[in-house]
C-alpha atoms as a PDB file:
ATOM      1  CA  MET A   1    -145.961  30.625 -71.765  1.00  0.00           C
ATOM      2  CA  SER A   2    -146.489  27.007 -73.484  1.00  0.00           C
ATOM      3  CA  THR A   3    -142.578  25.463 -74.226  1.00  0.00           C
ATOM      4  CA  LYS A   4    -143.549  25.688 -78.250  1.00  0.00           C
ATOM      5  CA  ASP A   5    -144.481  30.059 -77.590  1.00  0.00           C
ATOM      6  CA  ARG A   6    -141.458  30.304 -75.322  1.00  0.00           C
ATOM      7  CA  ILE A   7    -138.767  28.522 -78.443  1.00  0.00           C
ATOM      8  CA  LEU A   8    -140.724  30.183 -81.153  1.00  0.00           C
ATOM      9  CA  GLN A   9    -139.913  33.751 -79.545  1.00  0.00           C
ATOM     10  CA  ALA A  10    -136.674  33.072 -78.673  1.00  0.00           C
ATOM     11  CA  ALA A  11    -136.175  31.438 -82.445  1.00  0.00           C
ATOM     12  CA  ILE A  12    -138.351  35.239 -83.431  1.00  0.00           C
ATOM     13  CA  ALA A  13    -135.780  37.601 -81.619  1.00  0.00           C
ATOM     14  CA  LEU A  14    -132.481  35.803 -82.724  1.00  0.00           C
ATOM     15  CA  PHE A  15    -133.457  36.116 -86.301  1.00  0.00           C
ATOM     16  CA  VAL A  16    -134.078  39.663 -86.426  1.00  0.00           C
ATOM     17  CA  GLU A  17    -130.997  40.214 -84.227  1.00  0.00           C
ATOM     18  CA  GLN A  18    -128.402  38.112 -86.242  1.00  0.00           C
ATOM     19  CA  GLY A  19    -130.421  36.918 -89.216  1.00  0.00           C
ATOM     20  CA  ILE A  20    -131.697  33.605 -90.266  1.00  0.00           C
ATOM     21  CA  ARG A  21    -128.625  32.122 -91.512  1.00  0.00           C
ATOM     22  CA  LYS A  22    -127.067  32.902 -88.635  1.00  0.00           C
ATOM     23  CA  VAL A  23    -129.238  30.904 -86.381  1.00  0.00           C
ATOM     24  CA  SER A  24    -128.761  27.707 -85.027  1.00  0.00           C
ATOM     25  CA  MET A  25    -131.352  25.648 -83.404  1.00  0.00           C
ATOM     26  CA  ASP A  26    -128.768  25.298 -80.445  1.00  0.00           C
ATOM     27  CA  ASP A  27    -128.681  28.828 -80.358  1.00  0.00           C
ATOM     28  CA  VAL A  28    -132.798  28.511 -80.394  1.00  0.00           C
ATOM     29  CA  ALA A  29    -132.373  25.769 -77.729  1.00  0.00           C
ATOM     30  CA  ALA A  30    -130.040  28.034 -75.564  1.00  0.00           C
ATOM     31  CA  ARG A  31    -132.203  31.548 -75.603  1.00  0.00           C
ATOM     32  CA  SER A  32    -135.623  29.244 -74.634  1.00  0.00           C
ATOM     33  CA  GLY A  33    -134.418  27.618 -72.191  1.00  0.00           C
ATOM     34  CA  VAL A  34    -134.911  24.377 -73.274  1.00  0.00           C
ATOM     35  CA  SER A  35    -132.616  21.315 -74.354  1.00  0.00           C
ATOM     36  CA  ARG A  36    -132.005  19.985 -78.318  1.00  0.00           C
ATOM     37  CA  VAL A  37    -134.145  16.964 -78.461  1.00  0.00           C
ATOM     38  CA  THR A  38    -137.313  19.436 -76.661  1.00  0.00           C
ATOM     39  CA  LEU A  39    -137.157  21.896 -79.815  1.00  0.00           C
ATOM     40  CA  TYR A  40    -136.631  19.519 -82.197  1.00  0.00           C
ATOM     41  CA  ARG A  41    -139.984  17.503 -80.201  1.00  0.00           C
ATOM     42  CA  TYR A  42    -142.005  20.655 -81.201  1.00  0.00           C
ATOM     43  CA  PHE A  43    -140.734  21.306 -84.553  1.00  0.00           C
ATOM     44  CA  GLY A  44    -138.804  18.755 -86.613  1.00  0.00           C
ATOM     45  CA  ASP A  45    -136.542  20.947 -88.289  1.00  0.00           C
ATOM     46  CA  ARG A  46    -135.161  23.981 -88.942  1.00  0.00           C
ATOM     47  CA  GLU A  47    -137.295  24.791 -91.578  1.00  0.00           C
ATOM     48  CA  ALA A  48    -140.235  24.073 -89.888  1.00  0.00           C
ATOM     49  CA  LEU A  49    -139.311  26.317 -86.809  1.00  0.00           C
ATOM     50  CA  VAL A  50    -138.769  29.253 -89.561  1.00  0.00           C
ATOM     51  CA  ARG A  51    -141.929  28.887 -91.112  1.00  0.00           C
ATOM     52  CA  THR A  52    -143.435  28.793 -87.933  1.00  0.00           C
ATOM     53  CA  ALA A  53    -142.082  32.250 -86.865  1.00  0.00           C
ATOM     54  CA  PHE A  54    -142.558  34.392 -90.162  1.00  0.00           C
ATOM     55  CA  PHE A  55    -146.278  32.199 -90.606  1.00  0.00           C
ATOM     56  CA  ALA A  56    -146.855  33.193 -86.642  1.00  0.00           C
ATOM     57  CA  PRO A  57    -147.349  37.156 -87.057  1.00  0.00           C
ATOM     58  CA  MET A  58    -150.162  36.529 -90.098  1.00  0.00           C
ATOM     59  CA  GLU A  59    -151.755  33.737 -88.103  1.00  0.00           C
ATOM     60  CA  SER A  60    -151.741  36.128 -85.161  1.00  0.00           C
ATOM     61  CA  LEU A  61    -153.670  38.799 -87.263  1.00  0.00           C
ATOM     62  CA  GLU A  62    -155.562  35.964 -88.965  1.00  0.00           C
ATOM     63  CA  GLN A  63    -157.144  35.665 -85.080  1.00  0.00           C
ATOM     64  CA  LEU A  64    -158.101  39.227 -84.606  1.00  0.00           C
ATOM     65  CA  GLN A  65    -159.723  39.357 -87.395  1.00  0.00           C
ATOM     66  CA  ARG A  66    -162.010  36.434 -86.268  1.00  0.00           C
ATOM     67  CA  GLU A  67    -161.967  38.008 -82.728  1.00  0.00           C
ATOM     68  CA  LEU A  68    -162.719  41.393 -84.426  1.00  0.00           C
ATOM     69  CA  GLN A  69    -165.946  40.256 -86.887  1.00  0.00           C
ATOM     70  CA  GLY A  70    -166.976  38.358 -83.372  1.00  0.00           C
ATOM     71  CA  ALA A  71    -167.113  42.004 -81.748  1.00  0.00           C
ATOM     72  CA  ASP A  72    -171.361  43.888 -81.859  1.00  0.00           C
ATOM     73  CA  THR A  73    -170.319  46.832 -84.476  1.00  0.00           C
ATOM     74  CA  PRO A  74    -166.791  47.291 -84.724  1.00  0.00           C
ATOM     75  CA  THR A  75    -165.445  50.789 -86.037  1.00  0.00           C
ATOM     76  CA  VAL A  76    -163.065  51.796 -88.887  1.00  0.00           C
ATOM     77  CA  GLU A  77    -161.224  53.385 -86.717  1.00  0.00           C
ATOM     78  CA  GLY A  78    -161.435  50.594 -84.200  1.00  0.00           C
ATOM     79  CA  VAL A  79    -160.025  47.351 -86.294  1.00  0.00           C
ATOM     80  CA  LEU A  80    -157.361  49.714 -87.422  1.00  0.00           C
ATOM     81  CA  VAL A  81    -156.394  50.194 -84.140  1.00  0.00           C
ATOM     82  CA  ALA A  82    -156.243  46.876 -83.037  1.00  0.00           C
ATOM     83  CA  ILE A  83    -154.479  45.820 -86.203  1.00  0.00           C
ATOM     84  CA  ALA A  84    -151.305  48.059 -85.586  1.00  0.00           C
ATOM     85  CA  ASP A  85    -151.176  47.703 -81.854  1.00  0.00           C
ATOM     86  CA  ARG A  86    -151.277  43.820 -83.139  1.00  0.00           C
ATOM     87  CA  ILE A  87    -148.500  44.532 -85.638  1.00  0.00           C
ATOM     88  CA  ALA A  88    -146.572  46.982 -83.098  1.00  0.00           C
ATOM     89  CA  ALA A  89    -146.898  44.057 -80.340  1.00  0.00           C
ATOM     90  CA  GLN A  90    -145.002  41.947 -82.968  1.00  0.00           C
ATOM     91  CA  PRO A  91    -141.357  41.702 -83.394  1.00  0.00           C
ATOM     92  CA  ALA A  92    -140.256  42.990 -86.727  1.00  0.00           C
ATOM     93  CA  ILE A  93    -139.629  39.521 -88.483  1.00  0.00           C
ATOM     94  CA  ASP A  94    -141.476  40.630 -91.779  1.00  0.00           C
ATOM     95  CA  LEU A  95    -138.395  43.260 -92.542  1.00  0.00           C
ATOM     96  CA  PRO A  96    -137.988  43.067 -96.494  1.00  0.00           C
ATOM     97  CA  VAL A  97    -134.279  42.118 -95.413  1.00  0.00           C
ATOM     98  CA  HIS A  98    -135.641  38.940 -93.236  1.00  0.00           C
ATOM     99  CA  ARG A  99    -137.701  37.945 -96.136  1.00  0.00           C
ATOM    100  CA  ASP A 100    -134.939  38.246 -98.716  1.00  0.00           C
ATOM    101  CA  GLU A 101    -132.831  36.166 -96.327  1.00  0.00           C
ATOM    102  CA  LEU A 102    -135.686  33.473 -96.582  1.00  0.00           C
ATOM    103  CA  GLU A 103    -135.909  33.232-100.844  1.00  0.00           C
ATOM    104  CA  ALA A 104    -132.741  32.420-100.302  1.00  0.00           C
ATOM    105  CA  LEU A 105    -133.060  30.053 -97.974  1.00  0.00           C
ATOM    106  CA  TYR A 106    -135.878  28.477 -98.594  1.00  0.00           C
ATOM    107  CA  PRO A 107    -137.669  29.852-101.192  1.00  0.00           C
ATOM    108  CA  ALA A 108    -140.724  27.476-101.368  1.00  0.00           C
ATOM    109  CA  LEU A 109    -141.658  28.397 -98.288  1.00  0.00           C
ATOM    110  CA  ALA A 110    -140.321  32.306 -98.974  1.00  0.00           C
ATOM    111  CA  ALA A 111    -143.210  32.040-101.880  1.00  0.00           C
ATOM    112  CA  GLU A 112    -145.680  30.386 -99.392  1.00  0.00           C
ATOM    113  CA  TYR A 113    -145.303  33.034 -97.010  1.00  0.00           C
ATOM    114  CA  ALA A 114    -145.603  35.670 -99.379  1.00  0.00           C
ATOM    115  CA  GLU A 115    -148.786  34.222-101.147  1.00  0.00           C
ATOM    116  CA  HIS A 116    -150.346  33.919 -97.200  1.00  0.00           C
ATOM    117  CA  ARG A 117    -149.013  37.446 -96.275  1.00  0.00           C
ATOM    118  CA  ASP A 118    -151.066  38.979 -99.382  1.00  0.00           C
ATOM    119  CA  ALA A 119    -153.530  37.064 -98.452  1.00  0.00           C
ATOM    120  CA  VAL A 120    -153.536  38.333 -95.729  1.00  0.00           C
ATOM    121  CA  ALA A 121    -153.477  41.631 -96.623  1.00  0.00           C
ATOM    122  CA  HIS A 122    -156.524  41.490 -98.205  1.00  0.00           C
ATOM    123  CA  ARG A 123    -158.700  39.746 -96.302  1.00  0.00           C
ATOM    124  CA  LEU A 124    -158.203  42.749 -93.976  1.00  0.00           C
ATOM    125  CA  ILE A 125    -157.665  45.737 -96.089  1.00  0.00           C
ATOM    126  CA  SER A 126    -161.246  44.288 -98.179  1.00  0.00           C
ATOM    127  CA  TRP A 127    -162.691  44.014 -94.723  1.00  0.00           C
ATOM    128  CA  VAL A 128    -161.943  47.553 -93.759  1.00  0.00           C
ATOM    129  CA  PHE A 129    -163.191  49.232 -96.588  1.00  0.00           C
ATOM    130  CA  ALA A 130    -166.323  47.295 -96.262  1.00  0.00           C
ATOM    131  CA  LEU A 131    -166.746  48.550 -92.778  1.00  0.00           C
ATOM    132  CA  ALA A 132    -165.979  52.141 -94.643  1.00  0.00           C
ATOM    133  CA  GLU A 133    -168.774  51.148 -96.797  1.00  0.00           C
ATOM    134  CA  LYS A 134    -171.380  49.886 -94.714  1.00  0.00           C
ATOM    135  CA  SER A 135    -170.905  53.301 -92.480  1.00  0.00           C
ATOM    136  CA  GLY A 136    -171.176  55.985 -95.139  1.00  0.00           C
ATOM    137  CA  ARG A 137    -167.757  57.038 -94.470  1.00  0.00           C
ATOM    138  CA  LEU A 138    -165.709  55.273 -97.327  1.00  0.00           C
ATOM    139  CA  ARG A 139    -164.295  58.960 -99.774  1.00  0.00           C
ATOM    140  CA  PRO A 140    -165.691  57.797-103.700  1.00  0.00           C
ATOM    141  CA  GLY A 141    -162.939  57.614-105.730  1.00  0.00           C
ATOM    142  CA  VAL A 142    -160.857  55.914-103.422  1.00  0.00           C
ATOM    143  CA  ARG A 143    -158.973  53.038-105.603  1.00  0.00           C
ATOM    144  CA  LYS A 144    -159.086  49.745-102.707  1.00  0.00           C
ATOM    145  CA  ASP A 145    -156.661  48.452-105.309  1.00  0.00           C
ATOM    146  CA  LEU A 146    -153.884  51.121-104.782  1.00  0.00           C
ATOM    147  CA  VAL A 147    -154.437  51.624-101.051  1.00  0.00           C
ATOM    148  CA  GLU A 148    -154.539  47.828-100.438  1.00  0.00           C
ATOM    149  CA  GLY A 149    -150.899  47.368-100.642  1.00  0.00           C
ATOM    150  CA  VAL A 150    -149.566  50.818 -99.795  1.00  0.00           C
ATOM    151  CA  VAL A 151    -151.363  50.437 -96.199  1.00  0.00           C
ATOM    152  CA  TRP A 152    -149.979  46.841 -95.819  1.00  0.00           C
ATOM    153  CA  ASP A 153    -146.717  48.613 -96.370  1.00  0.00           C
ATOM    154  CA  LEU A 154    -146.507  51.085 -94.183  1.00  0.00           C
ATOM    155  CA  LEU A 155    -148.749  49.208 -91.400  1.00  0.00           C
ATOM    156  CA  VAL A 156    -146.198  46.286 -91.770  1.00  0.00           C
ATOM    157  CA  ASN A 157    -143.242  47.409 -92.575  1.00  0.00           C
ATOM    158  CA  PRO A 158    -142.456  51.464 -90.821  1.00  0.00           C
ATOM    159  CA  LEU A 159    -139.289  50.079 -90.224  1.00  0.00           C
ATOM    160  CA  ALA A 160    -138.408  49.515 -93.476  1.00  0.00           C
ATOM    161  CA  ILE A 161    -138.226  53.376 -94.150  1.00  0.00           C
ATOM    162  CA  PRO A 162    -134.801  54.895 -92.919  1.00  0.00           C
ATOM    163  CA  ALA A 163    -136.572  58.345 -92.201  1.00  0.00           C
ATOM    164  CA  VAL A 164    -138.709  56.262 -89.298  1.00  0.00           C
ATOM    165  CA  ARG A 165    -136.380  53.664 -88.440  1.00  0.00           C
ATOM    166  CA  ASP A 166    -134.306  56.442 -87.498  1.00  0.00           C
ATOM    167  CA  SER A 167    -136.512  58.859 -85.909  1.00  0.00           C
ATOM    168  CA  GLY A 168    -136.562  57.062 -83.423  1.00  0.00           C
ATOM    169  CA  ILE A 169    -140.483  57.437 -83.153  1.00  0.00           C
ATOM    170  CA  GLN A 170    -141.881  54.443 -80.403  1.00  0.00           C
ATOM    171  CA  ALA A 171    -143.986  52.034 -82.567  1.00  0.00           C
ATOM    172  CA  ARG A 172    -147.241  53.047 -81.201  1.00  0.00           C
ATOM    173  CA  GLU A 173    -147.206  57.008 -81.694  1.00  0.00           C
ATOM    174  CA  LEU A 174    -146.297  55.609 -85.440  1.00  0.00           C
ATOM    175  CA  TYR A 175    -148.821  53.607 -85.812  1.00  0.00           C
ATOM    176  CA  ALA A 176    -150.826  56.152 -84.324  1.00  0.00           C
ATOM    177  CA  ALA A 177    -149.966  58.585 -86.912  1.00  0.00           C
ATOM    178  CA  LEU A 178    -149.991  56.388 -90.004  1.00  0.00           C
ATOM    179  CA  ILE A 179    -153.727  55.847 -88.871  1.00  0.00           C
ATOM    180  CA  ASP A 180    -153.952  59.005 -88.648  1.00  0.00           C
ATOM    181  CA  VAL A 181    -153.146  60.508 -92.056  1.00  0.00           C
ATOM    182  CA  LEU A 182    -155.463  56.823 -93.394  1.00  0.00           C
ATOM    183  CA  LEU A 183    -158.427  57.828 -91.906  1.00  0.00           C
ATOM    184  CA  TYR A 184    -157.931  61.311 -92.782  1.00  0.00           C
ATOM    185  CA  GLY A 185    -158.056  60.480 -96.370  1.00  0.00           C
ATOM    186  CA  MET A 186    -160.246  57.636 -97.172  1.00  0.00           C
ATOM    187  CA  LEU A 187    -163.098  58.717 -94.499  1.00  0.00           C
ATOM    188  CA  ASP A 188    -165.605  61.433 -95.432  1.00  0.00           C
ATOM    189  CA  GLY A 189    -166.622  63.524 -92.009  1.00  0.00           C
END
């Protein structure tokens, strides 16, 4: 893992554990095993580090979409499983509590992040719908606009739902269940 990635992973873990406000650059340097000079070489200031931490999961999903679009014949099921696997492998930085803290600390960054997050969600869900339509499996009458928001929140924020968080369910099992429900309600046959 590169030094920059090690710093980023340390920062994300600390933000998830302690919240953005409580994490200092010294904390990140110590957790990642680098000096403050090295930390500032990669991330010029705290806001740049926070920005990269929040945008990293979305950039990972964008990369996944590019990879899957390059595949021979991606299926709806395969794409949803790949998206869920990618989300499950990432730290839970996108929980509402962290977005609220981001808004309080860095309002302009929070607005930029929300816009980017929504755009990524729209592109991914639109692509899944297009795959379902192309394969002739999209159930008539399914409203993409409603499904987009609900599905995205379920995929990205299932731990924000107390019953899910308290169930102790593993991420992979949770996403398998969500995908099963989504596909049952969206696809014919």
